[in-house]
């Protein structure tokens, strides 16, 4: 993180006897993956611009346990989850926002049975709520009229029925939203879910991320937008495989908004 970014920790808030409006759950990808760090920075810039009182856990944040659970290691998942829940409950966290649908789904749907009950929002939902409340104003700027297609992350769309928030944000940028033949409830997985992100694919005729990228390219987009660091990696690899990296960009919704505002 550059010095210009203001990213307070929960420990700092606690020391001042204050509680943030929202906890930003950064996630493993957003913390360690070089590409995903850019999404984290873009989102933080938007939060700062909107004067949102937010905090991160910093070194106290651990993996939610999603990859372990999807790979079948329920024991490891519960160990990771309980550790996180103890930290979150000690800080009396009520509201969490995250840029990762895997973290979003796990915190929202799988932590309550282990004693972790929070209001959990995906960053596209949170940004949409800020716009509705008049706390964030976005203008099209450099994306006005650009052809953008949105790839629905599985854990955002089919698993949690969040389809409209990211699309409304794209339309707020005065961009032309073009839909793939498989979208929303019929969206096609990018190939990274179920802990597949961390292994090589089995032999077959075609990698699933290439299939999905081909569907995106059929819409003749200038930008493939997504709302998940895993999807971002898979679609970027797909664009490279199709030799389109000079003509098609892959960007997170937070990056689109931050770039439109020149943040």
C-alpha atoms as a PDB file:
ATOM      1  CA  UNK A   1       0.000   0.000   0.000  1.00  0.00           C
ATOM      2  CA  UNK A   2       1.346   3.445  -0.888  1.00  0.00           C
ATOM      3  CA  UNK A   3       1.678   6.108   1.798  1.00  0.00           C
ATOM      4  CA  UNK A   4      -1.100   8.170   0.192  1.00  0.00           C
ATOM      5  CA  UNK A   5      -3.701   5.540   1.010  1.00  0.00           C
ATOM      6  CA  UNK A   6      -5.446   5.866   4.357  1.00  0.00           C
ATOM      7  CA  UNK A   7      -6.082   2.339   5.654  1.00  0.00           C
ATOM      8  CA  UNK A   8      -6.747   2.289   9.406  1.00  0.00           C
ATOM      9  CA  UNK A   9      -6.802  -0.997  11.320  1.00  0.00           C
ATOM     10  CA  UNK A  10      -9.398  -2.200  13.828  1.00  0.00           C
ATOM     11  CA  UNK A  11      -6.686  -2.146  16.508  1.00  0.00           C
ATOM     12  CA  UNK A  12      -6.189   1.601  15.857  1.00  0.00           C
ATOM     13  CA  UNK A  13      -9.942   2.234  16.070  1.00  0.00           C
ATOM     14  CA  UNK A  14     -10.126   0.204  19.277  1.00  0.00           C
ATOM     15  CA  UNK A  15      -7.257   2.205  20.808  1.00  0.00           C
ATOM     16  CA  UNK A  16      -9.263   5.388  20.192  1.00  0.00           C
ATOM     17  CA  UNK A  17     -12.425   3.822  21.581  1.00  0.00           C
ATOM     18  CA  UNK A  18     -14.138   4.137  18.193  1.00  0.00           C
ATOM     19  CA  UNK A  19     -16.052   1.760  15.940  1.00  0.00           C
ATOM     20  CA  UNK A  20     -15.878   2.033  12.129  1.00  0.00           C
ATOM     21  CA  UNK A  21     -19.027   2.141  10.015  1.00  0.00           C
ATOM     22  CA  UNK A  22     -17.810  -0.934   8.146  1.00  0.00           C
ATOM     23  CA  UNK A  23     -14.995  -3.472   8.267  1.00  0.00           C
ATOM     24  CA  UNK A  24     -13.292  -3.993   4.905  1.00  0.00           C
ATOM     25  CA  UNK A  25     -12.429  -7.693   4.632  1.00  0.00           C
ATOM     26  CA  UNK A  26      -9.512  -7.659   2.191  1.00  0.00           C
ATOM     27  CA  UNK A  27      -9.181 -11.410   1.600  1.00  0.00           C
ATOM     28  CA  UNK A  28      -6.122 -13.467   0.651  1.00  0.00           C
ATOM     29  CA  UNK A  29      -6.160 -12.499  -3.029  1.00  0.00           C
ATOM     30  CA  UNK A  30      -6.593  -8.810  -2.252  1.00  0.00           C
ATOM     31  CA  UNK A  31      -3.726  -8.975   0.244  1.00  0.00           C
ATOM     32  CA  UNK A  32      -1.150 -11.095  -1.568  1.00  0.00           C
ATOM     33  CA  UNK A  33      -1.909 -11.355  -5.307  1.00  0.00           C
ATOM     34  CA  UNK A  34      -0.260  -8.510  -7.222  1.00  0.00           C
ATOM     35  CA  UNK A  35      -3.178  -8.104  -9.641  1.00  0.00           C
ATOM     36  CA  UNK A  36      -5.817  -8.270  -6.912  1.00  0.00           C
ATOM     37  CA  UNK A  37      -3.942  -5.700  -4.806  1.00  0.00           C
ATOM     38  CA  UNK A  38      -4.861  -3.153  -7.498  1.00  0.00           C
ATOM     39  CA  UNK A  39      -8.539  -3.915  -6.868  1.00  0.00           C
ATOM     40  CA  UNK A  40      -7.988  -3.441  -3.115  1.00  0.00           C
ATOM     41  CA  UNK A  41      -6.297  -0.077  -3.697  1.00  0.00           C
ATOM     42  CA  UNK A  42      -9.043   1.087  -6.066  1.00  0.00           C
ATOM     43  CA  UNK A  43     -11.739   0.226  -3.517  1.00  0.00           C
ATOM     44  CA  UNK A  44      -9.850   1.949  -0.680  1.00  0.00           C
ATOM     45  CA  UNK A  45      -9.518   5.096  -2.818  1.00  0.00           C
ATOM     46  CA  UNK A  46     -13.288   5.106  -3.371  1.00  0.00           C
ATOM     47  CA  UNK A  47     -13.957   4.616   0.371  1.00  0.00           C
ATOM     48  CA  UNK A  48     -11.634   7.520   1.196  1.00  0.00           C
ATOM     49  CA  UNK A  49     -13.241   9.748  -1.458  1.00  0.00           C
ATOM     50  CA  UNK A  50     -16.688   9.006  -0.002  1.00  0.00           C
ATOM     51  CA  UNK A  51     -15.355   9.728   3.524  1.00  0.00           C
ATOM     52  CA  UNK A  52     -16.361   6.280   4.783  1.00  0.00           C
ATOM     53  CA  UNK A  53     -15.191   5.402   8.273  1.00  0.00           C
ATOM     54  CA  UNK A  54     -13.737   1.955   7.576  1.00  0.00           C
ATOM     55  CA  UNK A  55     -11.050  -0.286   9.010  1.00  0.00           C
ATOM     56  CA  UNK A  56      -9.235  -3.502   8.103  1.00  0.00           C
ATOM     57  CA  UNK A  57      -8.061  -6.266  10.420  1.00  0.00           C
ATOM     58  CA  UNK A  58      -4.549  -6.147   8.948  1.00  0.00           C
ATOM     59  CA  UNK A  59      -2.356  -8.941  10.293  1.00  0.00           C
ATOM     60  CA  UNK A  60      -5.295 -10.193  12.387  1.00  0.00           C
ATOM     61  CA  UNK A  61      -7.173 -11.219   9.213  1.00  0.00           C
ATOM     62  CA  UNK A  62      -6.796 -14.849   8.168  1.00  0.00           C
ATOM     63  CA  UNK A  63      -8.226 -16.843   5.265  1.00  0.00           C
ATOM     64  CA  UNK A  64     -12.004 -17.302   5.613  1.00  0.00           C
ATOM     65  CA  UNK A  65     -11.497 -21.011   4.935  1.00  0.00           C
ATOM     66  CA  UNK A  66     -13.362 -21.052   1.612  1.00  0.00           C
ATOM     67  CA  UNK A  67     -10.650 -22.915  -0.378  1.00  0.00           C
ATOM     68  CA  UNK A  68     -10.264 -25.510   2.385  1.00  0.00           C
ATOM     69  CA  UNK A  69     -14.022 -26.122   2.574  1.00  0.00           C
ATOM     70  CA  UNK A  70     -14.461 -26.346  -1.212  1.00  0.00           C
ATOM     71  CA  UNK A  71     -11.534 -28.766  -1.438  1.00  0.00           C
ATOM     72  CA  UNK A  72     -13.225 -30.978   1.152  1.00  0.00           C
ATOM     73  CA  UNK A  73     -11.267 -30.179   4.313  1.00  0.00           C
ATOM     74  CA  UNK A  74     -14.113 -29.242   6.651  1.00  0.00           C
ATOM     75  CA  UNK A  75     -11.870 -29.594   9.708  1.00  0.00           C
ATOM     76  CA  UNK A  76      -9.402 -26.960   8.449  1.00  0.00           C
ATOM     77  CA  UNK A  77     -12.283 -24.696   7.386  1.00  0.00           C
ATOM     78  CA  UNK A  78     -13.819 -24.746  10.864  1.00  0.00           C
ATOM     79  CA  UNK A  79     -10.443 -24.044  12.485  1.00  0.00           C
ATOM     80  CA  UNK A  80      -9.913 -21.019  10.226  1.00  0.00           C
ATOM     81  CA  UNK A  81     -13.490 -19.810  10.612  1.00  0.00           C
ATOM     82  CA  UNK A  82     -13.584 -20.036  14.420  1.00  0.00           C
ATOM     83  CA  UNK A  83     -10.278 -18.138  14.674  1.00  0.00           C
ATOM     84  CA  UNK A  84     -11.692 -15.327  12.525  1.00  0.00           C
ATOM     85  CA  UNK A  85     -15.011 -15.275  14.360  1.00  0.00           C
ATOM     86  CA  UNK A  86     -13.212 -14.858  17.712  1.00  0.00           C
ATOM     87  CA  UNK A  87     -11.358 -11.820  16.328  1.00  0.00           C
ATOM     88  CA  UNK A  88     -14.465 -10.297  14.702  1.00  0.00           C
ATOM     89  CA  UNK A  89     -16.626 -10.800  17.787  1.00  0.00           C
ATOM     90  CA  UNK A  90     -13.946  -9.392  20.089  1.00  0.00           C
ATOM     91  CA  UNK A  91     -14.065  -6.194  18.004  1.00  0.00           C
ATOM     92  CA  UNK A  92     -17.900  -6.317  18.030  1.00  0.00           C
ATOM     93  CA  UNK A  93     -18.024  -6.129  14.240  1.00  0.00           C
ATOM     94  CA  UNK A  94     -21.522  -5.621  12.825  1.00  0.00           C
ATOM     95  CA  UNK A  95     -21.003  -4.856   9.129  1.00  0.00           C
ATOM     96  CA  UNK A  96     -18.454  -6.275   6.677  1.00  0.00           C
ATOM     97  CA  UNK A  97     -17.739  -5.384   3.036  1.00  0.00           C
ATOM     98  CA  UNK A  98     -15.471  -7.440   0.794  1.00  0.00           C
ATOM     99  CA  UNK A  99     -14.293  -7.353  -2.825  1.00  0.00           C
ATOM    100  CA  UNK A 100     -14.199 -11.169  -3.007  1.00  0.00           C
ATOM    101  CA  UNK A 101     -17.424 -13.168  -3.586  1.00  0.00           C
ATOM    102  CA  UNK A 102     -15.798 -16.245  -2.021  1.00  0.00           C
ATOM    103  CA  UNK A 103     -15.189 -14.341   1.236  1.00  0.00           C
ATOM    104  CA  UNK A 104     -18.639 -12.736   0.877  1.00  0.00           C
ATOM    105  CA  UNK A 105     -20.422 -16.080   0.553  1.00  0.00           C
ATOM    106  CA  UNK A 106     -18.469 -17.761   3.360  1.00  0.00           C
ATOM    107  CA  UNK A 107     -18.822 -14.892   5.858  1.00  0.00           C
ATOM    108  CA  UNK A 108     -22.501 -14.372   5.003  1.00  0.00           C
ATOM    109  CA  UNK A 109     -23.763 -17.940   4.756  1.00  0.00           C
ATOM    110  CA  UNK A 110     -21.354 -20.227   6.587  1.00  0.00           C
ATOM    111  CA  UNK A 111     -20.126 -18.224   9.579  1.00  0.00           C
ATOM    112  CA  UNK A 112     -23.523 -17.781  11.329  1.00  0.00           C
ATOM    113  CA  UNK A 113     -23.754 -21.483  12.289  1.00  0.00           C
ATOM    114  CA  UNK A 114     -20.318 -21.132  13.949  1.00  0.00           C
ATOM    115  CA  UNK A 115     -21.290 -18.029  15.929  1.00  0.00           C
ATOM    116  CA  UNK A 116     -20.352 -15.295  13.458  1.00  0.00           C
ATOM    117  CA  UNK A 117     -23.381 -13.125  12.634  1.00  0.00           C
ATOM    118  CA  UNK A 118     -22.663 -10.015  10.566  1.00  0.00           C
ATOM    119  CA  UNK A 119     -24.254  -7.928   7.860  1.00  0.00           C
ATOM    120  CA  UNK A 120     -22.057  -8.867   4.894  1.00  0.00           C
ATOM    121  CA  UNK A 121     -22.018  -6.942   1.602  1.00  0.00           C
ATOM    122  CA  UNK A 122     -20.158  -7.388  -1.653  1.00  0.00           C
ATOM    123  CA  UNK A 123     -18.376  -4.208  -2.690  1.00  0.00           C
ATOM    124  CA  UNK A 124     -20.728  -3.677  -5.641  1.00  0.00           C
ATOM    125  CA  UNK A 125     -23.723  -3.727  -3.262  1.00  0.00           C
ATOM    126  CA  UNK A 126     -21.968  -1.358  -0.863  1.00  0.00           C
ATOM    127  CA  UNK A 127     -20.996   1.096  -3.624  1.00  0.00           C
ATOM    128  CA  UNK A 128     -24.539   1.032  -5.002  1.00  0.00           C
ATOM    129  CA  UNK A 129     -25.903   1.826  -1.520  1.00  0.00           C
ATOM    130  CA  UNK A 130     -23.483   4.767  -1.204  1.00  0.00           C
ATOM    131  CA  UNK A 131     -24.715   6.154  -4.527  1.00  0.00           C
ATOM    132  CA  UNK A 132     -28.365   5.742  -3.479  1.00  0.00           C
ATOM    133  CA  UNK A 133     -27.617   7.597  -0.226  1.00  0.00           C
ATOM    134  CA  UNK A 134     -25.893  10.396  -2.155  1.00  0.00           C
ATOM    135  CA  UNK A 135     -22.561   9.742  -0.433  1.00  0.00           C
ATOM    136  CA  UNK A 136     -20.792   8.793  -3.660  1.00  0.00           C
ATOM    137  CA  UNK A 137     -21.255  10.443  -7.024  1.00  0.00           C
ATOM    138  CA  UNK A 138     -19.766   8.760 -10.071  1.00  0.00           C
ATOM    139  CA  UNK A 139     -19.546  10.043 -13.606  1.00  0.00           C
ATOM    140  CA  UNK A 140     -18.837   8.195 -16.825  1.00  0.00           C
ATOM    141  CA  UNK A 141     -15.726  10.086 -17.712  1.00  0.00           C
ATOM    142  CA  UNK A 142     -13.386   7.924 -19.761  1.00  0.00           C
ATOM    143  CA  UNK A 143     -15.798   4.962 -19.918  1.00  0.00           C
ATOM    144  CA  UNK A 144     -18.674   6.849 -21.542  1.00  0.00           C
ATOM    145  CA  UNK A 145     -19.954   4.808 -24.479  1.00  0.00           C
ATOM    146  CA  UNK A 146     -17.425   2.001 -23.958  1.00  0.00           C
ATOM    147  CA  UNK A 147     -18.687  -1.520 -24.615  1.00  0.00           C
ATOM    148  CA  UNK A 148     -18.454  -3.427 -21.332  1.00  0.00           C
ATOM    149  CA  UNK A 149     -19.617  -6.987 -20.672  1.00  0.00           C
ATOM    150  CA  UNK A 150     -20.003  -8.260 -17.115  1.00  0.00           C
ATOM    151  CA  UNK A 151     -18.977 -11.766 -16.070  1.00  0.00           C
ATOM    152  CA  UNK A 152     -21.104 -12.973 -13.134  1.00  0.00           C
ATOM    153  CA  UNK A 153     -18.966 -14.577 -10.395  1.00  0.00           C
ATOM    154  CA  UNK A 154     -20.650 -17.828  -9.284  1.00  0.00           C
ATOM    155  CA  UNK A 155     -20.605 -16.964  -5.580  1.00  0.00           C
ATOM    156  CA  UNK A 156     -22.044 -13.518  -6.230  1.00  0.00           C
ATOM    157  CA  UNK A 157     -24.666 -14.451  -8.796  1.00  0.00           C
ATOM    158  CA  UNK A 158     -26.128 -17.935  -8.616  1.00  0.00           C
ATOM    159  CA  UNK A 159     -25.125 -18.520  -4.981  1.00  0.00           C
ATOM    160  CA  UNK A 160     -26.410 -15.201  -3.625  1.00  0.00           C
ATOM    161  CA  UNK A 161     -28.685 -13.693  -6.318  1.00  0.00           C
ATOM    162  CA  UNK A 162     -26.661 -10.490  -6.673  1.00  0.00           C
ATOM    163  CA  UNK A 163     -27.005  -9.580 -10.333  1.00  0.00           C
ATOM    164  CA  UNK A 164     -28.160  -5.981 -10.549  1.00  0.00           C
ATOM    165  CA  UNK A 165     -25.721  -4.051  -8.327  1.00  0.00           C
ATOM    166  CA  UNK A 166     -22.658  -4.514 -10.583  1.00  0.00           C
ATOM    167  CA  UNK A 167     -24.687  -3.848 -13.733  1.00  0.00           C
ATOM    168  CA  UNK A 168     -26.211  -0.667 -12.345  1.00  0.00           C
ATOM    169  CA  UNK A 169     -22.731   0.589 -11.471  1.00  0.00           C
ATOM    170  CA  UNK A 170     -21.542  -0.060 -15.046  1.00  0.00           C
ATOM    171  CA  UNK A 171     -24.536   1.833 -16.404  1.00  0.00           C
ATOM    172  CA  UNK A 172     -23.824   4.723 -14.024  1.00  0.00           C
ATOM    173  CA  UNK A 173     -20.525   5.094 -15.911  1.00  0.00           C
ATOM    174  CA  UNK A 174     -22.575   5.844 -19.067  1.00  0.00           C
ATOM    175  CA  UNK A 175     -21.058   2.724 -20.609  1.00  0.00           C
ATOM    176  CA  UNK A 176     -22.833   0.370 -22.996  1.00  0.00           C
ATOM    177  CA  UNK A 177     -23.523  -2.840 -21.078  1.00  0.00           C
ATOM    178  CA  UNK A 178     -23.496  -5.825 -23.446  1.00  0.00           C
ATOM    179  CA  UNK A 179     -24.575  -9.223 -22.131  1.00  0.00           C
ATOM    180  CA  UNK A 180     -23.007 -12.588 -22.934  1.00  0.00           C
ATOM    181  CA  UNK A 181     -25.241 -15.445 -24.126  1.00  0.00           C
ATOM    182  CA  UNK A 182     -24.678 -17.090 -20.714  1.00  0.00           C
ATOM    183  CA  UNK A 183     -25.327 -14.435 -18.078  1.00  0.00           C
ATOM    184  CA  UNK A 184     -27.013 -13.890 -14.737  1.00  0.00           C
ATOM    185  CA  UNK A 185     -28.693 -17.131 -13.582  1.00  0.00           C
ATOM    186  CA  UNK A 186     -27.312 -18.917 -16.640  1.00  0.00           C
ATOM    187  CA  UNK A 187     -23.791 -17.564 -16.188  1.00  0.00           C
ATOM    188  CA  UNK A 188     -20.844 -19.839 -16.888  1.00  0.00           C
ATOM    189  CA  UNK A 189     -18.177 -20.434 -14.231  1.00  0.00           C
ATOM    190  CA  UNK A 190     -14.731 -18.970 -14.986  1.00  0.00           C
ATOM    191  CA  UNK A 191     -13.174 -22.223 -13.770  1.00  0.00           C
ATOM    192  CA  UNK A 192     -11.597 -20.997 -10.516  1.00  0.00           C
ATOM    193  CA  UNK A 193     -14.235 -21.965  -7.939  1.00  0.00           C
ATOM    194  CA  UNK A 194     -14.200 -25.046  -5.772  1.00  0.00           C
ATOM    195  CA  UNK A 195     -10.475 -24.494  -5.061  1.00  0.00           C
ATOM    196  CA  UNK A 196      -9.752 -25.201  -8.760  1.00  0.00           C
ATOM    197  CA  UNK A 197      -7.878 -21.874  -8.752  1.00  0.00           C
ATOM    198  CA  UNK A 198      -4.947 -23.591  -7.081  1.00  0.00           C
ATOM    199  CA  UNK A 199      -4.457 -26.580  -9.362  1.00  0.00           C
ATOM    200  CA  UNK A 200      -3.922 -27.375 -13.004  1.00  0.00           C
ATOM    201  CA  UNK A 201      -7.068 -28.369 -14.941  1.00  0.00           C
ATOM    202  CA  UNK A 202      -7.766 -31.979 -15.839  1.00  0.00           C
ATOM    203  CA  UNK A 203      -7.161 -32.980 -19.447  1.00  0.00           C
ATOM    204  CA  UNK A 204      -9.928 -32.056 -21.853  1.00  0.00           C
ATOM    205  CA  UNK A 205     -10.688 -30.324 -25.125  1.00  0.00           C
ATOM    206  CA  UNK A 206     -10.624 -26.777 -23.764  1.00  0.00           C
ATOM    207  CA  UNK A 207     -10.027 -24.941 -20.481  1.00  0.00           C
ATOM    208  CA  UNK A 208     -13.269 -23.531 -19.072  1.00  0.00           C
ATOM    209  CA  UNK A 209     -11.812 -20.028 -18.683  1.00  0.00           C
ATOM    210  CA  UNK A 210     -11.062 -19.989 -22.428  1.00  0.00           C
ATOM    211  CA  UNK A 211     -14.657 -21.060 -23.164  1.00  0.00           C
ATOM    212  CA  UNK A 212     -15.960 -18.259 -20.954  1.00  0.00           C
ATOM    213  CA  UNK A 213     -13.583 -15.708 -22.482  1.00  0.00           C
ATOM    214  CA  UNK A 214     -14.778 -16.713 -25.962  1.00  0.00           C
ATOM    215  CA  UNK A 215     -18.345 -15.970 -24.866  1.00  0.00           C
ATOM    216  CA  UNK A 216     -17.205 -12.567 -23.634  1.00  0.00           C
ATOM    217  CA  UNK A 217     -15.301 -11.793 -26.845  1.00  0.00           C
ATOM    218  CA  UNK A 218     -18.426 -12.656 -28.898  1.00  0.00           C
ATOM    219  CA  UNK A 219     -19.999  -9.471 -27.479  1.00  0.00           C
ATOM    220  CA  UNK A 220     -17.144  -7.464 -29.019  1.00  0.00           C
ATOM    221  CA  UNK A 221     -16.305  -5.703 -25.736  1.00  0.00           C
ATOM    222  CA  UNK A 222     -13.603  -3.171 -24.986  1.00  0.00           C
ATOM    223  CA  UNK A 223     -13.679  -4.232 -21.333  1.00  0.00           C
ATOM    224  CA  UNK A 224     -14.630  -7.458 -19.546  1.00  0.00           C
ATOM    225  CA  UNK A 225     -15.761  -6.386 -16.079  1.00  0.00           C
ATOM    226  CA  UNK A 226     -16.027  -8.677 -13.083  1.00  0.00           C
ATOM    227  CA  UNK A 227     -16.348  -8.454  -9.316  1.00  0.00           C
ATOM    228  CA  UNK A 228     -14.043 -11.237  -8.155  1.00  0.00           C
ATOM    229  CA  UNK A 229     -10.240 -11.500  -7.995  1.00  0.00           C
ATOM    230  CA  UNK A 230     -10.352 -15.180  -9.041  1.00  0.00           C
ATOM    231  CA  UNK A 231     -12.562 -14.450 -12.057  1.00  0.00           C
ATOM    232  CA  UNK A 232     -10.256 -11.561 -12.927  1.00  0.00           C
ATOM    233  CA  UNK A 233      -7.256 -13.907 -13.115  1.00  0.00           C
ATOM    234  CA  UNK A 234      -9.108 -16.533 -15.157  1.00  0.00           C
ATOM    235  CA  UNK A 235     -10.554 -14.037 -17.645  1.00  0.00           C
ATOM    236  CA  UNK A 236      -7.175 -12.292 -17.985  1.00  0.00           C
ATOM    237  CA  UNK A 237      -5.553 -15.646 -18.772  1.00  0.00           C
ATOM    238  CA  UNK A 238      -8.348 -16.333 -21.256  1.00  0.00           C
ATOM    239  CA  UNK A 239      -7.813 -12.996 -23.006  1.00  0.00           C
ATOM    240  CA  UNK A 240      -4.096 -13.803 -23.307  1.00  0.00           C
ATOM    241  CA  UNK A 241      -4.895 -17.286 -24.661  1.00  0.00           C
ATOM    242  CA  UNK A 242      -7.096 -15.691 -27.343  1.00  0.00           C
ATOM    243  CA  UNK A 243      -4.350 -13.143 -28.119  1.00  0.00           C
ATOM    244  CA  UNK A 244      -6.675 -10.222 -27.338  1.00  0.00           C
ATOM    245  CA  UNK A 245      -4.780  -8.544 -24.504  1.00  0.00           C
ATOM    246  CA  UNK A 246      -4.062  -5.461 -26.638  1.00  0.00           C
ATOM    247  CA  UNK A 247      -7.719  -4.867 -27.450  1.00  0.00           C
ATOM    248  CA  UNK A 248      -9.702  -6.208 -24.453  1.00  0.00           C
ATOM    249  CA  UNK A 249      -9.081  -5.183 -20.835  1.00  0.00           C
ATOM    250  CA  UNK A 250     -10.220  -7.123 -17.773  1.00  0.00           C
ATOM    251  CA  UNK A 251     -11.170  -4.824 -14.884  1.00  0.00           C
ATOM    252  CA  UNK A 252     -12.941  -5.042 -11.548  1.00  0.00           C
ATOM    253  CA  UNK A 253     -15.985  -2.799 -11.004  1.00  0.00           C
ATOM    254  CA  UNK A 254     -14.044  -0.920  -8.284  1.00  0.00           C
ATOM    255  CA  UNK A 255     -11.249  -0.189 -10.766  1.00  0.00           C
ATOM    256  CA  UNK A 256     -13.737   1.116 -13.332  1.00  0.00           C
ATOM    257  CA  UNK A 257     -15.220   3.529 -10.793  1.00  0.00           C
ATOM    258  CA  UNK A 258     -11.848   4.628  -9.390  1.00  0.00           C
ATOM    259  CA  UNK A 259     -10.441   5.193 -12.890  1.00  0.00           C
ATOM    260  CA  UNK A 260     -13.536   7.089 -14.022  1.00  0.00           C
ATOM    261  CA  UNK A 261     -13.023   9.436 -11.077  1.00  0.00           C
ATOM    262  CA  UNK A 262      -9.238   9.697 -11.668  1.00  0.00           C
ATOM    263  CA  UNK A 263      -8.641   8.556  -8.093  1.00  0.00           C
END
